[in-house]
Amino acid sequence: MYVGQEAADGTEALALLKEHGGNVDGFVTDIVMPKMDGSTCVIEALRSNQNVPILFVSGYRPEDFMDRIEHLPNFKFLPKPFSLTDITDVVSEMMLRHP
């Protein structure tokens, strides 16, 4: 996928991933999405992308979902609300660690 590629939900994200041959530099996803939640989408996507950085965002408390994602490699969590600077800084840091 290229920079700026986005999906409306987890099922669309997996379809885009397949369309692009499974190659991504990282994931930025909300925990709660229609059709397929962000953690399920990422778990499916990691089958072909084991070592990519993942940024989960959510307005929910981390305690409500952390048990679903804490075993995943290379993830960070950013609570909502956040600024454009906040998300840019986190994504930049993640990409520098996983070139």
N, C-alpha and C. Protein backbone atom coordinates (compact mmCIF):
# COMPACT_ATOMS: atom_id res chain seq x y z
N MET A 1 0.83 -1.17 0.00
CA MET A 1 0.00 0.00 0.00
C MET A 1 0.87 1.23 0.00
N TYR A 2 0.38 2.28 -0.51
CA TYR A 2 1.15 3.51 -0.54
C TYR A 2 0.63 4.48 0.51
N VAL A 3 1.41 5.49 0.77
CA VAL A 3 1.02 6.48 1.78
C VAL A 3 -0.32 7.08 1.40
N GLY A 4 -1.19 7.16 2.37
CA GLY A 4 -2.50 7.75 2.13
C GLY A 4 -3.58 6.74 1.80
N GLN A 5 -3.22 5.49 1.62
CA GLN A 5 -4.22 4.46 1.34
C GLN A 5 -5.05 4.24 2.59
N GLU A 6 -6.36 4.31 2.47
CA GLU A 6 -7.19 4.10 3.63
C GLU A 6 -8.38 3.23 3.27
N ALA A 7 -8.94 2.62 4.29
CA ALA A 7 -10.09 1.74 4.12
C ALA A 7 -11.19 2.16 5.09
N ALA A 8 -12.42 1.91 4.71
CA ALA A 8 -13.56 2.28 5.55
C ALA A 8 -13.75 1.33 6.72
N ASP A 9 -13.26 0.11 6.58
CA ASP A 9 -13.41 -0.89 7.63
C ASP A 9 -12.35 -1.98 7.46
N GLY A 10 -12.33 -2.93 8.39
CA GLY A 10 -11.32 -3.97 8.38
C GLY A 10 -11.38 -4.87 7.17
N THR A 11 -12.57 -5.19 6.69
CA THR A 11 -12.66 -6.08 5.53
C THR A 11 -12.13 -5.38 4.28
N GLU A 12 -12.41 -4.10 4.14
CA GLU A 12 -11.87 -3.34 3.01
C GLU A 12 -10.35 -3.23 3.11
N ALA A 13 -9.84 -3.06 4.31
CA ALA A 13 -8.39 -2.98 4.51
C ALA A 13 -7.70 -4.27 4.07
N LEU A 14 -8.28 -5.42 4.43
CA LEU A 14 -7.69 -6.69 4.02
C LEU A 14 -7.75 -6.88 2.51
N ALA A 15 -8.83 -6.42 1.89
CA ALA A 15 -8.95 -6.49 0.43
C ALA A 15 -7.88 -5.63 -0.23
N LEU A 16 -7.65 -4.43 0.30
CA LEU A 16 -6.61 -3.55 -0.24
C LEU A 16 -5.23 -4.16 -0.05
N LEU A 17 -5.02 -4.78 1.09
CA LEU A 17 -3.75 -5.44 1.36
C LEU A 17 -3.49 -6.54 0.33
N LYS A 18 -4.49 -7.32 0.06
CA LYS A 18 -4.37 -8.39 -0.92
C LYS A 18 -4.12 -7.81 -2.32
N GLU A 19 -4.82 -6.76 -2.65
CA GLU A 19 -4.68 -6.09 -3.95
C GLU A 19 -3.25 -5.59 -4.17
N HIS A 20 -2.60 -5.19 -3.10
CA HIS A 20 -1.24 -4.65 -3.18
C HIS A 20 -0.18 -5.71 -2.86
N GLY A 21 -0.56 -6.96 -2.94
CA GLY A 21 0.41 -8.04 -2.76
C GLY A 21 0.85 -8.26 -1.32
N GLY A 22 0.13 -7.71 -0.36
CA GLY A 22 0.46 -7.92 1.03
C GLY A 22 1.60 -7.08 1.56
N ASN A 23 2.11 -6.17 0.76
CA ASN A 23 3.25 -5.35 1.17
C ASN A 23 2.80 -4.03 1.78
N VAL A 24 3.15 -3.84 3.05
CA VAL A 24 2.85 -2.58 3.75
C VAL A 24 4.03 -2.23 4.63
N ASP A 25 4.13 -0.96 4.95
CA ASP A 25 5.18 -0.49 5.85
C ASP A 25 4.68 -0.40 7.28
N GLY A 26 3.37 -0.41 7.47
CA GLY A 26 2.81 -0.32 8.80
C GLY A 26 1.30 -0.19 8.74
N PHE A 27 0.69 -0.26 9.92
CA PHE A 27 -0.77 -0.15 10.03
C PHE A 27 -1.10 0.94 11.03
N VAL A 28 -2.10 1.74 10.69
CA VAL A 28 -2.72 2.67 11.62
C VAL A 28 -4.20 2.34 11.56
N THR A 29 -4.74 1.91 12.69
CA THR A 29 -6.14 1.48 12.69
C THR A 29 -6.83 1.81 14.00
N ASP A 30 -8.10 2.07 13.88
CA ASP A 30 -8.93 2.24 15.07
C ASP A 30 -9.23 0.86 15.62
N ILE A 31 -9.42 0.76 16.90
CA ILE A 31 -9.80 -0.51 17.51
C ILE A 31 -11.22 -0.87 17.11
N VAL A 32 -12.14 0.08 17.15
CA VAL A 32 -13.54 -0.17 16.83
C VAL A 32 -13.84 0.33 15.42
N MET A 33 -14.26 -0.59 14.57
CA MET A 33 -14.65 -0.26 13.19
C MET A 33 -15.84 -1.13 12.81
N PRO A 34 -16.58 -0.73 11.79
CA PRO A 34 -17.69 -1.58 11.34
C PRO A 34 -17.17 -2.84 10.65
N LYS A 35 -17.96 -3.86 10.63
CA LYS A 35 -17.72 -5.14 9.95
C LYS A 35 -16.60 -5.96 10.57
N MET A 36 -15.44 -5.38 10.82
CA MET A 36 -14.31 -6.09 11.42
C MET A 36 -13.50 -5.10 12.22
N ASP A 37 -13.27 -5.42 13.49
CA ASP A 37 -12.54 -4.47 14.34
C ASP A 37 -11.06 -4.43 13.96
N GLY A 38 -10.38 -3.41 14.42
CA GLY A 38 -8.99 -3.19 14.07
C GLY A 38 -8.06 -4.29 14.51
N SER A 39 -8.29 -4.86 15.69
CA SER A 39 -7.39 -5.92 16.15
C SER A 39 -7.54 -7.18 15.30
N THR A 40 -8.75 -7.55 14.93
CA THR A 40 -8.96 -8.71 14.07
C THR A 40 -8.34 -8.48 12.70
N CYS A 41 -8.51 -7.30 12.15
CA CYS A 41 -7.92 -6.95 10.85
C CYS A 41 -6.40 -7.09 10.89
N VAL A 42 -5.78 -6.54 11.91
CA VAL A 42 -4.32 -6.59 12.01
C VAL A 42 -3.83 -8.02 12.21
N ILE A 43 -4.52 -8.78 13.03
CA ILE A 43 -4.12 -10.18 13.24
C ILE A 43 -4.15 -10.93 11.91
N GLU A 44 -5.17 -10.72 11.11
CA GLU A 44 -5.25 -11.36 9.79
C GLU A 44 -4.12 -10.86 8.89
N ALA A 45 -3.89 -9.56 8.89
CA ALA A 45 -2.87 -8.96 8.02
C ALA A 45 -1.46 -9.41 8.40
N LEU A 46 -1.23 -9.65 9.68
CA LEU A 46 0.11 -10.04 10.13
C LEU A 46 0.53 -11.43 9.65
N ARG A 47 -0.40 -12.18 9.12
CA ARG A 47 -0.04 -13.50 8.59
C ARG A 47 0.97 -13.38 7.46
N SER A 48 0.94 -12.25 6.75
CA SER A 48 1.92 -12.03 5.68
C SER A 48 2.86 -10.87 5.96
N ASN A 49 2.69 -10.19 7.07
CA ASN A 49 3.49 -9.01 7.42
C ASN A 49 3.87 -9.08 8.89
N GLN A 50 4.71 -10.02 9.25
CA GLN A 50 4.98 -10.32 10.64
C GLN A 50 5.64 -9.21 11.44
N ASN A 51 6.41 -8.37 10.81
CA ASN A 51 7.25 -7.46 11.58
C ASN A 51 6.99 -5.99 11.30
N VAL A 52 5.80 -5.64 10.90
CA VAL A 52 5.51 -4.23 10.60
C VAL A 52 4.99 -3.53 11.85
N PRO A 53 5.24 -2.24 11.98
CA PRO A 53 4.72 -1.50 13.13
C PRO A 53 3.20 -1.29 13.00
N ILE A 54 2.56 -1.24 14.16
CA ILE A 54 1.11 -1.10 14.22
C ILE A 54 0.79 0.03 15.19
N LEU A 55 -0.08 0.93 14.77
CA LEU A 55 -0.58 1.97 15.66
C LEU A 55 -2.09 1.79 15.79
N PHE A 56 -2.54 1.49 17.00
CA PHE A 56 -3.96 1.41 17.30
C PHE A 56 -4.37 2.73 17.92
N VAL A 57 -5.53 3.24 17.51
CA VAL A 57 -6.11 4.44 18.11
C VAL A 57 -7.50 4.08 18.60
N SER A 58 -7.93 4.75 19.65
CA SER A 58 -9.27 4.48 20.16
C SER A 58 -9.69 5.53 21.17
N GLY A 59 -10.97 5.73 21.23
CA GLY A 59 -11.56 6.57 22.27
C GLY A 59 -11.97 5.75 23.48
N TYR A 60 -11.85 4.43 23.36
CA TYR A 60 -12.18 3.55 24.47
C TYR A 60 -10.98 3.39 25.40
N ARG A 61 -11.23 2.96 26.62
CA ARG A 61 -10.17 2.74 27.58
C ARG A 61 -9.33 1.54 27.15
N PRO A 62 -8.02 1.61 27.26
CA PRO A 62 -7.16 0.48 26.87
C PRO A 62 -7.53 -0.82 27.59
N GLU A 63 -8.00 -0.73 28.81
CA GLU A 63 -8.38 -1.93 29.56
C GLU A 63 -9.51 -2.70 28.87
N ASP A 64 -10.29 -2.01 28.04
CA ASP A 64 -11.43 -2.65 27.38
C ASP A 64 -11.01 -3.56 26.23
N PHE A 65 -9.78 -3.43 25.74
CA PHE A 65 -9.38 -4.23 24.57
C PHE A 65 -7.93 -4.71 24.61
N MET A 66 -7.16 -4.27 25.58
CA MET A 66 -5.73 -4.58 25.59
C MET A 66 -5.44 -6.08 25.54
N ASP A 67 -6.32 -6.88 26.12
CA ASP A 67 -6.09 -8.32 26.10
C ASP A 67 -6.12 -8.88 24.68
N ARG A 68 -6.76 -8.20 23.74
CA ARG A 68 -6.81 -8.66 22.34
C ARG A 68 -5.56 -8.28 21.56
N ILE A 69 -4.81 -7.27 22.03
CA ILE A 69 -3.68 -6.79 21.22
C ILE A 69 -2.32 -6.91 21.90
N GLU A 70 -2.30 -7.15 23.21
CA GLU A 70 -1.03 -7.10 23.94
C GLU A 70 -0.01 -8.13 23.48
N HIS A 71 -0.43 -9.18 22.81
CA HIS A 71 0.51 -10.20 22.32
C HIS A 71 1.09 -9.85 20.94
N LEU A 72 0.57 -8.81 20.30
CA LEU A 72 1.04 -8.44 18.97
C LEU A 72 2.40 -7.75 19.05
N PRO A 73 3.26 -8.02 18.06
CA PRO A 73 4.58 -7.37 18.06
C PRO A 73 4.49 -5.93 17.56
N ASN A 74 5.38 -5.11 17.99
CA ASN A 74 5.60 -3.78 17.41
C ASN A 74 4.37 -2.88 17.37
N PHE A 75 3.59 -2.85 18.45
CA PHE A 75 2.42 -1.96 18.41
C PHE A 75 2.55 -0.85 19.44
N LYS A 76 1.85 0.23 19.13
CA LYS A 76 1.70 1.35 20.04
C LYS A 76 0.21 1.68 20.08
N PHE A 77 -0.18 2.38 21.13
CA PHE A 77 -1.56 2.80 21.28
C PHE A 77 -1.59 4.30 21.49
N LEU A 78 -2.49 4.98 20.78
CA LEU A 78 -2.67 6.42 20.91
C LEU A 78 -4.14 6.68 21.24
N PRO A 79 -4.41 7.21 22.44
CA PRO A 79 -5.80 7.47 22.82
C PRO A 79 -6.37 8.69 22.11
N LYS A 80 -7.65 8.63 21.80
CA LYS A 80 -8.36 9.79 21.26
C LYS A 80 -8.81 10.65 22.42
N PRO A 81 -8.92 11.93 22.26
CA PRO A 81 -8.57 12.69 21.06
C PRO A 81 -7.06 12.93 21.00
N PHE A 82 -6.55 13.06 19.80
CA PHE A 82 -5.14 13.38 19.60
C PHE A 82 -5.02 14.40 18.50
N SER A 83 -3.90 15.08 18.47
CA SER A 83 -3.68 16.11 17.45
C SER A 83 -2.96 15.50 16.25
N LEU A 84 -2.94 16.22 15.17
CA LEU A 84 -2.19 15.80 13.99
C LEU A 84 -0.71 15.66 14.34
N THR A 85 -0.21 16.55 15.16
CA THR A 85 1.19 16.46 15.60
C THR A 85 1.43 15.19 16.40
N ASP A 86 0.49 14.83 17.28
CA ASP A 86 0.63 13.61 18.08
C ASP A 86 0.77 12.38 17.19
N ILE A 87 -0.15 12.21 16.25
CA ILE A 87 -0.12 11.02 15.42
C ILE A 87 1.08 11.03 14.47
N THR A 88 1.44 12.19 13.98
CA THR A 88 2.61 12.30 13.10
C THR A 88 3.87 11.89 13.85
N ASP A 89 4.00 12.37 15.07
CA ASP A 89 5.18 12.02 15.87
C ASP A 89 5.27 10.52 16.14
N VAL A 90 4.15 9.91 16.51
CA VAL A 90 4.15 8.48 16.81
C VAL A 90 4.46 7.66 15.56
N VAL A 91 3.83 7.98 14.45
CA VAL A 91 4.08 7.24 13.20
C VAL A 91 5.52 7.43 12.76
N SER A 92 6.03 8.63 12.83
CA SER A 92 7.43 8.88 12.45
C SER A 92 8.39 8.06 13.30
N GLU A 93 8.17 8.04 14.60
CA GLU A 93 9.01 7.26 15.51
C GLU A 93 8.94 5.77 15.16
N MET A 94 7.74 5.28 14.90
CA MET A 94 7.58 3.87 14.57
C MET A 94 8.29 3.50 13.28
N MET A 95 8.21 4.37 12.29
CA MET A 95 8.81 4.08 10.99
C MET A 95 10.34 4.15 11.08
N LEU A 96 10.85 5.02 11.93
CA LEU A 96 12.32 5.09 12.11
C LEU A 96 12.86 3.83 12.77
N ARG A 97 12.08 3.25 13.66
CA ARG A 97 12.49 2.01 14.33
C ARG A 97 12.40 0.79 13.43
N HIS A 98 11.54 0.85 12.43
CA HIS A 98 11.32 -0.29 11.54
C HIS A 98 11.43 0.15 10.08
N PRO A 99 12.64 0.48 9.66
CA PRO A 99 12.80 0.97 8.26
C PRO A 99 12.53 -0.11 7.23
